[in-house]
Amino acid sequence: MSSLASGTAKLMTGRIAAMAIGFGTAPIVARLFSPEDYGVVGLISSIVQWLSAFSCFGYMAAIPLSASRAETRALLRLCLLITGALMLPVVLVPVLGGDLLIEILDEPRLKQFFWFIPVMFLLAVLRQLGSYTLSRERKFGWSALSELGNVCAARPIQIVLGGLLGGSALFLLLSTVVGGIVAVAIAAAIVVPMLVRKGDKESQPQLRLREVAKHHKQFPSVQMWTNVLNTTRGSVSVLLMGTLFATEVIGHYSLGCKLVSLPLTILGVSLGQVFYPEAADEWRRNGSIATTLHNTVRILSITCIFPLVAMGVMGPLMFELFLGANWREAGVYAQIMTPWLLVMLVASPTSTVFLIRRRAHITFIYVAVLLVAQLGAVAVGGLLGGPRLALMGFSGTGTIILLHKLGLTLKLGKVRRRTAAVLMLKEMFRALFFLAPAALAYWVANQQFVAIGLACAATAVHSLLLYKREPAVRRKLEVILARFSQAR
């Protein structure tokens, strides 16, 4: 567990610092830019995410499984060649389909931002390549630094341009591009020297790209299409809501999901990035993933369930006080999405079990079912009710399907499902117990500031008890404090 915890801690350090910057400046940015601006950015980002699902034909996900540095280099070369070939059709997408998309969404402002699509696509691919390679090389500190550099570059641009020239979707997109360039540059400082290092090439002969591509054929044949369906589910859901509702709704949804998924972004993604190579190593050594999988579920449960439950209980109040009255509806959307994100918190980082067990087709089936169910729920909810009903359907269907997938993941990883379920339920009931006074103060007595005070007190008590009952957490904090004291 030590290597898993150590790698996760390194990634979390950078992501927590990035979150602190992003979260601390969110009240400023939210007041500079309107929900409509975020809605336009959300639509452009959805298109980029869908195109990125085809990136490298899925071969980038094979990098953590490579058995040698030579195989890693071969996979990187293969991915870069495929990316170069894909750039032309990506450039043509807005040229050939832009007018149709504007007509369907009834959002003429999109036209002036279509040129961001190929730029953001290329940066997204390069960032993923850097992330997978740094994970394979166990350079988790550099991966964390890349995340931090992205936020440190993007946030000042948003604040300065938004404050001086007024809020505009253009400035949000420009900051995204600049942040992506910085993140890629940091990752390239490690990845590029590894590609051209002569000593490694002499000791490990260069592999033929055809052999590497054939060995990892499950990625283009199954995994890529799984990513396409999965991304289609998310991107088309946003585009469908853009068709059914105003762009303002997309802005509320985009920012709401972004903030409520912070625990998933900080710890879930960090732990998943470490889990993949660690679990692959355990499977090669022991023919089992039980230890790494159980430790992952446990860490996610004891650290992330509480903040997600807090968002589910107090979401509208948190958004209204933190970002302003214009964003209260985003808090309602975040509240509706909490059950889905709660299950995804555990199911997403551990889903690579299917790749390790050579069962990628199972993930494909689940994603296909999610695509049909969630898009259908959004369409029916949007036509019969409104944005809230559409999101309830999206969240509810996703929660049920992902729970079934998580159960199968645990079974394949040889972890007792009953044990994992009891662990997660205990943390959920513990969070609800601590947050009950704050919920009553807000929803029954309508005492907003009292509710916030009680929620802060509940967070402090929960953190203290976590510190006392988890020796590993306590030892890690003591080491960090000791290093800080020595530095002073």
Protein backbone atom coordinates (compact mmCIF):
# COMPACT_ATOMS: atom_id res chain seq x y z
CA MET A 1 0.00 0.00 0.00
CA SER A 2 2.97 2.33 0.58
CA SER A 3 3.75 2.87 -3.12
CA LEU A 4 0.05 3.39 -3.86
CA ALA A 5 -0.28 5.92 -1.05
CA SER A 6 3.02 7.63 -1.90
CA GLY A 7 2.19 8.06 -5.58
CA THR A 8 -1.30 9.26 -4.76
CA ALA A 9 0.05 11.74 -2.21
CA LYS A 10 2.42 13.25 -4.78
CA LEU A 11 -0.37 13.66 -7.32
CA MET A 12 -2.75 15.01 -4.70
CA THR A 13 -0.23 17.61 -3.54
CA GLY A 14 -0.21 19.29 -6.93
CA ARG A 15 -3.92 18.85 -7.48
CA ILE A 16 -4.82 20.19 -4.04
CA ALA A 17 -2.64 23.22 -4.69
CA ALA A 18 -4.29 23.65 -8.09
CA MET A 19 -7.71 23.24 -6.48
CA ALA A 20 -6.87 25.81 -3.81
CA ILE A 21 -5.97 28.35 -6.50
CA GLY A 22 -9.00 27.52 -8.64
CA PHE A 23 -11.41 27.31 -5.71
CA GLY A 24 -10.06 30.43 -4.03
CA THR A 25 -10.44 32.51 -7.17
CA ALA A 26 -13.78 30.97 -8.23
CA PRO A 27 -15.88 33.71 -6.55
CA ILE A 28 -14.00 36.34 -8.57
CA VAL A 29 -14.23 34.50 -11.89
CA ALA A 30 -17.89 33.59 -11.38
CA ARG A 31 -18.72 37.26 -10.94
CA LEU A 32 -16.71 38.30 -14.01
CA PHE A 33 -18.23 35.76 -16.40
CA SER A 34 -21.89 34.93 -16.94
CA PRO A 35 -23.56 31.50 -17.12
CA GLU A 36 -23.99 32.13 -20.85
CA ASP A 37 -20.19 32.49 -21.24
CA TYR A 38 -19.65 29.20 -19.43
CA GLY A 39 -22.38 27.68 -21.58
CA VAL A 40 -20.56 28.55 -24.82
CA VAL A 41 -17.30 27.17 -23.42
CA GLY A 42 -19.15 24.03 -22.33
CA LEU A 43 -20.44 23.46 -25.86
CA ILE A 44 -16.98 23.94 -27.44
CA SER A 45 -15.39 21.70 -24.80
CA SER A 46 -17.99 18.99 -25.47
CA ILE A 47 -17.04 18.92 -29.15
CA VAL A 48 -13.33 18.73 -28.29
CA GLN A 49 -13.92 15.94 -25.77
CA TRP A 50 -15.83 13.90 -28.31
CA LEU A 51 -13.09 14.28 -30.93
CA SER A 52 -10.46 13.42 -28.32
CA ALA A 53 -12.08 10.04 -27.80
CA PHE A 54 -10.56 8.99 -31.14
CA SER A 55 -7.10 10.24 -30.17
CA CYS A 56 -4.29 7.77 -30.82
CA PHE A 57 -6.97 5.13 -31.54
CA GLY A 58 -6.83 4.31 -27.82
CA TYR A 59 -3.17 3.21 -27.83
CA MET A 60 -2.19 5.84 -25.23
CA ALA A 61 -4.00 3.80 -22.54
CA ALA A 62 -1.59 0.92 -23.23
CA ILE A 63 1.45 2.93 -22.09
CA PRO A 64 1.16 2.02 -18.36
CA LEU A 65 1.05 -1.67 -19.37
CA SER A 66 4.31 -1.51 -21.36
CA ALA A 67 6.91 -3.94 -20.03
CA SER A 68 9.99 -1.90 -21.01
CA ARG A 69 11.19 1.59 -21.84
CA ALA A 70 11.58 0.52 -25.48
CA GLU A 71 7.92 -0.49 -25.64
CA THR A 72 6.93 2.83 -24.08
CA ARG A 73 8.89 4.71 -26.73
CA ALA A 74 7.31 2.65 -29.49
CA LEU A 75 3.83 3.36 -28.19
CA LEU A 76 4.58 7.07 -27.96
CA ARG A 77 5.83 7.15 -31.55
CA LEU A 78 2.74 5.26 -32.68
CA CYS A 79 0.45 7.68 -30.84
CA LEU A 80 2.17 10.74 -32.27
CA LEU A 81 1.90 9.38 -35.82
CA ILE A 82 -1.81 8.68 -35.40
CA THR A 83 -2.36 12.15 -33.90
CA GLY A 84 -0.68 13.79 -36.88
CA ALA A 85 -2.93 11.83 -39.24
CA LEU A 86 -6.05 12.84 -37.29
CA MET A 87 -5.36 16.57 -37.30
CA LEU A 88 -6.72 17.11 -40.84
CA PRO A 89 -10.20 15.65 -40.18
CA VAL A 90 -10.32 17.51 -36.85
CA VAL A 91 -9.62 20.79 -38.65
CA LEU A 92 -12.39 19.99 -41.16
CA VAL A 93 -15.05 19.24 -38.53
CA PRO A 94 -15.97 22.88 -37.78
CA VAL A 95 -15.57 23.81 -41.45
CA LEU A 96 -17.99 21.16 -42.72
CA GLY A 97 -20.38 20.83 -39.78
CA GLY A 98 -20.18 24.20 -38.02
CA ASP A 99 -23.21 25.83 -39.65
CA LEU A 100 -25.39 22.78 -38.98
CA LEU A 101 -24.36 22.73 -35.31
CA ILE A 102 -25.12 26.46 -34.93
CA GLU A 103 -28.55 25.93 -36.46
CA ILE A 104 -29.38 22.96 -34.20
CA LEU A 105 -28.22 24.68 -31.01
CA ASP A 106 -29.47 28.13 -32.03
CA GLU A 107 -26.24 29.66 -30.72
CA PRO A 108 -24.61 31.92 -33.37
CA ARG A 109 -21.77 32.92 -31.00
CA LEU A 110 -20.19 29.49 -31.49
CA LYS A 111 -18.97 30.38 -34.99
CA GLN A 112 -16.28 32.80 -33.82
CA PHE A 113 -14.83 30.16 -31.47
CA PHE A 114 -14.65 27.14 -33.80
CA TRP A 115 -10.95 27.73 -34.45
CA PHE A 116 -10.26 26.70 -30.85
CA ILE A 117 -11.37 23.13 -31.59
CA PRO A 118 -8.22 21.78 -33.37
CA VAL A 119 -5.93 23.64 -30.96
CA MET A 120 -7.68 22.31 -27.88
CA PHE A 121 -7.81 18.81 -29.42
CA LEU A 122 -4.05 18.71 -29.96
CA LEU A 123 -3.35 19.98 -26.45
CA ALA A 124 -5.77 17.45 -24.95
CA VAL A 125 -4.02 14.56 -26.74
CA LEU A 126 -0.53 15.72 -25.74
CA ARG A 127 -1.61 16.17 -22.11
CA GLN A 128 -3.02 12.63 -22.01
CA LEU A 129 0.15 11.22 -23.55
CA GLY A 130 2.23 13.04 -20.96
CA SER A 131 0.00 11.86 -18.12
CA TYR A 132 0.10 8.19 -19.13
CA THR A 133 3.86 8.28 -19.71
CA LEU A 134 4.60 9.96 -16.39
CA SER A 135 2.44 7.34 -14.66
CA ARG A 136 4.36 4.54 -16.40
CA GLU A 137 7.65 6.08 -15.28
CA ARG A 138 6.31 6.69 -11.72
CA LYS A 139 7.00 10.43 -12.14
CA PHE A 140 3.93 11.40 -10.17
CA GLY A 141 5.48 14.58 -8.83
CA TRP A 142 5.94 15.90 -12.37
CA SER A 143 2.38 14.97 -13.22
CA ALA A 144 1.20 16.99 -10.22
CA LEU A 145 3.39 19.91 -11.30
CA SER A 146 1.84 19.78 -14.77
CA GLU A 147 -1.65 20.08 -13.24
CA LEU A 148 -0.54 22.98 -11.07
CA GLY A 149 1.09 24.79 -13.99
CA ASN A 150 -2.14 24.56 -15.96
CA VAL A 151 -4.15 26.38 -13.27
CA CYS A 152 -1.43 28.91 -12.46
CA ALA A 153 -1.27 29.94 -16.11
CA ALA A 154 -5.01 29.94 -16.85
CA ARG A 155 -6.51 31.65 -13.80
CA PRO A 156 -4.58 34.99 -13.98
CA ILE A 157 -5.58 35.37 -17.63
CA GLN A 158 -9.25 34.93 -16.77
CA ILE A 159 -9.11 37.44 -13.92
CA VAL A 160 -7.01 40.09 -15.68
CA LEU A 161 -8.81 40.00 -19.04
CA GLY A 162 -12.23 39.58 -17.48
CA GLY A 163 -11.61 42.44 -15.04
CA LEU A 164 -10.17 44.86 -17.59
CA LEU A 165 -12.22 44.05 -20.69
CA GLY A 166 -15.35 42.41 -19.27
CA GLY A 167 -16.49 38.80 -19.21
CA SER A 168 -16.33 36.89 -22.50
CA ALA A 169 -16.23 33.25 -23.53
CA LEU A 170 -13.16 34.19 -25.61
CA PHE A 171 -11.10 34.84 -22.49
CA LEU A 172 -12.17 31.56 -20.89
CA LEU A 173 -11.11 29.65 -24.01
CA LEU A 174 -7.82 31.56 -24.34
CA SER A 175 -6.94 30.75 -20.74
CA THR A 176 -7.70 27.08 -21.41
CA VAL A 177 -5.28 27.04 -24.32
CA VAL A 178 -2.49 28.83 -22.43
CA GLY A 179 -2.93 26.53 -19.42
CA GLY A 180 -2.78 23.50 -21.69
CA ILE A 181 0.44 24.71 -23.32
CA VAL A 182 2.11 25.13 -19.94
CA ALA A 183 0.94 21.69 -18.77
CA VAL A 184 2.28 20.04 -21.95
CA ALA A 185 5.61 21.87 -21.65
CA ILE A 186 6.13 20.61 -18.08
CA ALA A 187 5.34 17.01 -19.02
CA ALA A 188 7.56 17.28 -22.12
CA ALA A 189 10.55 18.13 -19.89
CA ILE A 190 10.51 14.46 -18.80
CA VAL A 191 8.94 12.67 -21.76
CA VAL A 192 11.05 14.15 -24.59
CA PRO A 193 14.47 13.32 -23.06
CA MET A 194 13.23 9.79 -22.44
CA LEU A 195 12.33 9.46 -26.13
CA VAL A 196 15.75 10.54 -27.39
CA ARG A 197 18.00 9.04 -24.68
CA LYS A 198 20.68 7.05 -26.50
CA GLY A 199 21.77 4.80 -23.63
CA ASP A 200 18.34 3.23 -23.28
CA LYS A 201 18.09 2.68 -27.03
CA GLU A 202 21.36 0.73 -27.07
CA SER A 203 20.40 -1.52 -24.14
CA GLN A 204 16.80 -1.96 -25.36
CA PRO A 205 16.53 -2.35 -29.15
CA GLN A 206 13.83 -0.32 -30.85
CA LEU A 207 10.59 -2.22 -31.37
CA ARG A 208 8.69 -2.22 -34.64
CA LEU A 209 5.49 -0.19 -34.50
CA ARG A 210 3.53 -2.95 -36.23
CA GLU A 211 4.47 -5.47 -33.53
CA VAL A 212 3.52 -3.09 -30.72
CA ALA A 213 0.24 -2.20 -32.39
CA LYS A 214 -0.65 -5.88 -32.81
CA HIS A 215 0.25 -6.74 -29.21
CA HIS A 216 -2.09 -4.05 -27.87
CA LYS A 217 -4.86 -4.56 -30.42
CA GLN A 218 -7.58 -4.55 -27.72
CA PHE A 219 -7.16 -0.79 -27.43
CA PRO A 220 -8.13 0.29 -30.98
CA SER A 221 -10.59 -2.57 -31.45
CA VAL A 222 -12.44 -2.24 -28.14
CA GLN A 223 -11.10 0.43 -25.79
CA MET A 224 -11.18 3.29 -28.30
CA TRP A 225 -14.83 2.61 -29.11
CA THR A 226 -15.56 2.39 -25.41
CA ASN A 227 -14.05 5.87 -25.02
CA VAL A 228 -16.03 7.11 -28.02
CA LEU A 229 -19.31 5.88 -26.57
CA ASN A 230 -18.45 7.16 -23.10
CA THR A 231 -17.50 10.60 -24.42
CA THR A 232 -20.53 10.63 -26.71
CA ARG A 233 -22.70 10.09 -23.66
CA GLY A 234 -21.24 13.12 -21.88
CA SER A 235 -20.81 15.40 -24.88
CA VAL A 236 -24.14 14.65 -26.55
CA SER A 237 -25.90 15.11 -23.21
CA VAL A 238 -24.53 18.66 -23.08
CA LEU A 239 -25.41 19.30 -26.75
CA LEU A 240 -28.88 17.80 -26.21
CA MET A 241 -29.49 20.11 -23.26
CA GLY A 242 -28.23 22.97 -25.43
CA THR A 243 -30.90 22.05 -27.97
CA LEU A 244 -33.70 21.70 -25.40
CA PHE A 245 -32.77 24.57 -23.08
CA ALA A 246 -31.03 27.95 -23.08
CA THR A 247 -27.23 28.29 -23.10
CA GLU A 248 -27.50 29.57 -19.52
CA VAL A 249 -28.58 26.08 -18.44
CA ILE A 250 -25.38 24.63 -19.96
CA GLY A 251 -23.35 27.17 -17.98
CA HIS A 252 -25.03 26.20 -14.71
CA TYR A 253 -24.60 22.52 -15.48
CA SER A 254 -20.93 22.84 -16.52
CA LEU A 255 -19.83 24.84 -13.48
CA GLY A 256 -22.00 22.80 -11.12
CA CYS A 257 -20.51 19.49 -12.26
CA LYS A 258 -17.00 20.92 -12.23
CA LEU A 259 -17.16 22.01 -8.61
CA VAL A 260 -19.09 19.03 -7.25
CA SER A 261 -16.64 16.64 -8.90
CA LEU A 262 -13.62 18.21 -7.21
CA PRO A 263 -13.14 15.20 -4.86
CA LEU A 264 -13.20 12.94 -7.91
CA THR A 265 -10.72 15.18 -9.71
CA ILE A 266 -8.34 15.58 -6.79
CA LEU A 267 -8.21 12.12 -5.25
CA GLY A 268 -10.18 9.90 -7.63
CA VAL A 269 -8.20 10.76 -10.75
CA SER A 270 -4.92 10.86 -8.80
CA LEU A 271 -5.56 7.47 -7.25
CA GLY A 272 -6.76 6.03 -10.55
CA GLN A 273 -3.59 7.24 -12.26
CA VAL A 274 -1.52 5.36 -9.66
CA PHE A 275 -3.92 2.40 -9.41
CA TYR A 276 -3.55 1.39 -13.07
CA PRO A 277 0.20 0.60 -13.11
CA GLU A 278 0.17 -0.69 -9.50
CA ALA A 279 -2.72 -3.08 -10.19
CA ALA A 280 -1.09 -4.22 -13.44
CA ASP A 281 2.10 -5.05 -11.52
CA GLU A 282 0.17 -6.96 -8.85
CA TRP A 283 -1.67 -8.94 -11.51
CA ARG A 284 1.59 -9.88 -13.24
CA ARG A 285 3.13 -10.97 -9.90
CA ASN A 286 0.22 -12.69 -8.14
CA GLY A 287 -2.60 -13.18 -10.62
CA SER A 288 -4.80 -11.04 -8.36
CA ILE A 289 -5.65 -7.36 -7.89
CA ALA A 290 -7.35 -7.77 -4.51
CA THR A 291 -4.87 -5.83 -2.36
CA THR A 292 -4.53 -2.77 -4.62
CA LEU A 293 -8.26 -2.69 -5.39
CA HIS A 294 -9.36 -2.98 -1.76
CA ASN A 295 -6.91 -0.27 -0.65
CA THR A 296 -8.14 2.01 -3.45
CA VAL A 297 -11.82 1.61 -2.52
CA ARG A 298 -10.97 2.21 1.13
CA ILE A 299 -8.96 5.39 0.51
CA LEU A 300 -11.65 6.80 -1.77
CA SER A 301 -14.42 6.03 0.70
CA ILE A 302 -12.87 7.52 3.83
CA THR A 303 -11.68 10.70 2.15
CA CYS A 304 -14.18 11.64 -0.58
CA ILE A 305 -17.63 10.49 0.46
CA PHE A 306 -17.99 13.20 3.13
CA PRO A 307 -17.46 16.23 0.82
CA LEU A 308 -19.76 14.75 -1.83
CA VAL A 309 -22.51 14.11 0.74
CA ALA A 310 -22.02 17.67 2.02
CA MET A 311 -22.56 18.99 -1.51
CA GLY A 312 -25.65 16.84 -1.86
CA VAL A 313 -27.09 18.24 1.37
CA MET A 314 -26.00 21.89 1.11
CA GLY A 315 -25.29 22.43 -2.60
CA PRO A 316 -27.65 25.35 -3.39
CA LEU A 317 -26.58 27.29 -0.30
CA MET A 318 -22.86 26.75 -0.97
CA PHE A 319 -23.12 27.97 -4.56
CA GLU A 320 -25.28 30.99 -3.66
CA LEU A 321 -22.98 32.24 -0.90
CA PHE A 322 -19.72 31.33 -2.62
CA LEU A 323 -20.35 32.33 -6.25
CA GLY A 324 -23.30 34.71 -5.99
CA ALA A 325 -27.07 34.57 -6.34
CA ASN A 326 -26.83 34.00 -10.12
CA TRP A 327 -25.29 30.58 -9.51
CA ARG A 328 -27.79 29.08 -7.04
CA GLU A 329 -29.34 26.96 -9.78
CA ALA A 330 -25.89 25.47 -10.45
CA GLY A 331 -25.92 24.32 -6.83
CA VAL A 332 -29.27 22.62 -7.41
CA TYR A 333 -27.84 20.84 -10.46
CA ALA A 334 -24.78 19.79 -8.44
CA GLN A 335 -27.10 18.45 -5.73
CA ILE A 336 -29.02 16.37 -8.29
CA MET A 337 -25.78 14.96 -9.74
CA THR A 338 -24.31 13.94 -6.37
CA PRO A 339 -25.54 10.28 -6.32
CA TRP A 340 -24.12 9.69 -9.81
CA LEU A 341 -20.79 11.28 -8.92
CA LEU A 342 -20.67 9.40 -5.61
CA VAL A 343 -20.76 6.03 -7.37
CA MET A 344 -18.48 7.24 -10.17
CA LEU A 345 -15.98 8.29 -7.50
CA VAL A 346 -15.18 4.62 -6.90
CA ALA A 347 -16.20 3.05 -10.21
CA SER A 348 -14.14 5.33 -12.48
CA PRO A 349 -10.62 4.99 -10.98
CA THR A 350 -10.98 1.21 -10.68
CA SER A 351 -12.47 0.58 -14.13
CA THR A 352 -9.02 -0.24 -15.55
CA VAL A 353 -9.44 -3.66 -13.89
CA PHE A 354 -11.25 -4.67 -17.11
CA LEU A 355 -8.20 -3.69 -19.19
CA ILE A 356 -5.81 -5.57 -16.91
CA ARG A 357 -8.01 -8.69 -17.01
CA ARG A 358 -8.32 -8.41 -20.80
CA ARG A 359 -12.08 -7.83 -20.51
CA ALA A 360 -12.26 -4.48 -22.29
CA HIS A 361 -15.43 -5.59 -24.11
CA ILE A 362 -17.33 -5.56 -20.80
CA THR A 363 -16.59 -1.87 -20.32
CA PHE A 364 -17.81 -1.28 -23.87
CA ILE A 365 -21.17 -2.93 -23.06
CA TYR A 366 -21.65 -0.87 -19.90
CA VAL A 367 -20.82 2.36 -21.71
CA ALA A 368 -23.24 1.51 -24.52
CA VAL A 369 -26.02 0.89 -21.99
CA LEU A 370 -25.17 4.15 -20.20
CA LEU A 371 -25.26 6.04 -23.49
CA VAL A 372 -28.75 4.85 -24.41
CA ALA A 373 -30.18 5.12 -20.89
CA GLN A 374 -28.81 8.54 -19.97
CA LEU A 375 -29.47 10.23 -23.30
CA GLY A 376 -32.99 8.82 -23.25
CA ALA A 377 -33.49 10.09 -19.72
CA VAL A 378 -32.29 13.60 -20.66
CA ALA A 379 -34.56 13.70 -23.72
CA VAL A 380 -37.66 12.44 -21.88
CA GLY A 381 -37.03 14.61 -18.82
CA GLY A 382 -36.39 17.68 -20.93
CA LEU A 383 -39.54 17.24 -22.99
CA LEU A 384 -41.83 16.38 -20.06
CA GLY A 385 -40.43 18.72 -17.45
CA GLY A 386 -37.30 20.86 -17.58
CA PRO A 387 -33.57 20.87 -16.84
CA ARG A 388 -33.98 19.53 -13.31
CA LEU A 389 -36.07 16.55 -14.37
CA ALA A 390 -33.65 15.83 -17.23
CA LEU A 391 -30.70 15.82 -14.82
CA MET A 392 -32.60 13.62 -12.35
CA GLY A 393 -33.05 11.04 -15.09
CA PHE A 394 -29.39 11.34 -16.13
CA SER A 395 -28.15 10.95 -12.56
CA GLY A 396 -30.58 8.19 -11.55
CA THR A 397 -30.01 5.89 -14.53
CA GLY A 398 -26.24 6.41 -14.34
CA THR A 399 -26.15 5.59 -10.63
CA ILE A 400 -27.99 2.27 -11.07
CA ILE A 401 -25.87 1.10 -14.02
CA LEU A 402 -22.57 2.13 -12.45
CA LEU A 403 -23.42 0.32 -9.21
CA HIS A 404 -23.79 -2.90 -11.20
CA LYS A 405 -20.50 -2.24 -13.00
CA LEU A 406 -18.71 -1.58 -9.71
CA GLY A 407 -19.96 -4.89 -8.34
CA LEU A 408 -18.49 -6.75 -11.33
CA THR A 409 -15.23 -4.80 -11.00
CA LEU A 410 -14.87 -5.96 -7.40
CA LYS A 411 -15.65 -9.53 -8.41
CA LEU A 412 -13.00 -9.57 -11.15
CA GLY A 413 -10.51 -8.01 -8.73
CA LYS A 414 -11.34 -10.73 -6.18
CA VAL A 415 -12.57 -8.29 -3.53
CA ARG A 416 -15.66 -9.20 -1.47
CA ARG A 417 -18.49 -6.97 -2.61
CA ARG A 418 -20.19 -7.13 0.78
CA THR A 419 -17.06 -5.78 2.48
CA ALA A 420 -16.77 -2.87 0.05
CA ALA A 421 -20.49 -2.07 0.31
CA VAL A 422 -20.39 -1.99 4.12
CA LEU A 423 -17.34 0.26 4.03
CA MET A 424 -18.97 2.78 1.69
CA LEU A 425 -22.33 2.76 3.49
CA LYS A 426 -20.66 3.37 6.86
CA GLU A 427 -18.93 6.46 5.48
CA MET A 428 -22.16 7.73 3.93
CA PHE A 429 -24.17 7.33 7.16
CA ARG A 430 -21.33 8.88 9.16
CA ALA A 431 -21.34 11.91 6.85
CA LEU A 432 -25.15 12.24 7.06
CA PHE A 433 -25.01 12.04 10.86
CA PHE A 434 -22.47 14.87 11.15
CA LEU A 435 -24.23 17.05 8.57
CA ALA A 436 -27.80 16.54 9.87
CA PRO A 437 -27.79 19.67 12.14
CA ALA A 438 -26.63 21.88 9.26
CA ALA A 439 -29.26 20.40 6.94
CA LEU A 440 -32.03 21.03 9.48
CA ALA A 441 -30.87 24.61 10.04
CA TYR A 442 -30.97 25.32 6.30
CA TRP A 443 -33.95 23.36 5.00
CA VAL A 444 -36.25 23.58 8.05
CA ALA A 445 -35.29 26.75 9.97
CA ASN A 446 -34.03 28.69 6.89
CA GLN A 447 -30.97 29.88 8.81
CA GLN A 448 -28.32 30.10 6.13
CA PHE A 449 -25.34 31.36 8.13
CA VAL A 450 -26.11 29.04 11.04
CA ALA A 451 -26.20 26.15 8.56
CA ILE A 452 -22.82 27.12 7.13
CA GLY A 453 -21.34 27.35 10.63
CA LEU A 454 -22.70 23.92 11.55
CA ALA A 455 -21.40 22.45 8.28
CA CYS A 456 -17.92 23.84 8.99
CA ALA A 457 -18.04 22.41 12.51
CA ALA A 458 -19.13 19.02 11.14
CA THR A 459 -16.24 19.08 8.67
CA ALA A 460 -13.76 19.85 11.47
CA VAL A 461 -15.07 17.07 13.71
CA HIS A 462 -15.11 14.56 10.85
CA SER A 463 -11.54 15.47 9.88
CA LEU A 464 -10.34 15.13 13.49
CA LEU A 465 -11.95 11.70 13.87
CA LEU A 466 -10.49 10.61 10.53
CA TYR A 467 -7.07 11.73 11.74
CA LYS A 468 -7.43 9.72 14.96
CA ARG A 469 -8.88 6.50 13.53
CA GLU A 470 -6.61 6.29 10.47
CA PRO A 471 -2.95 5.78 11.48
CA ALA A 472 -1.76 6.04 7.86
CA VAL A 473 -3.34 9.48 7.47
CA ARG A 474 -1.92 10.59 10.80
CA ARG A 475 1.62 9.44 9.95
CA LYS A 476 1.51 11.16 6.56
CA LEU A 477 0.42 14.48 8.10
CA GLU A 478 3.09 14.21 10.79
CA VAL A 479 5.78 13.70 8.13
CA ILE A 480 4.53 16.72 6.15
CA LEU A 481 4.48 18.91 9.29
CA ALA A 482 7.98 17.73 10.28
CA ARG A 483 9.37 18.63 6.87
CA PHE A 484 7.67 22.01 7.03
CA SER A 485 9.21 22.72 10.46
CA GLN A 486 12.67 21.76 9.23
CA ALA A 487 12.28 24.01 6.20
CA ARG A 488 11.54 26.95 8.48
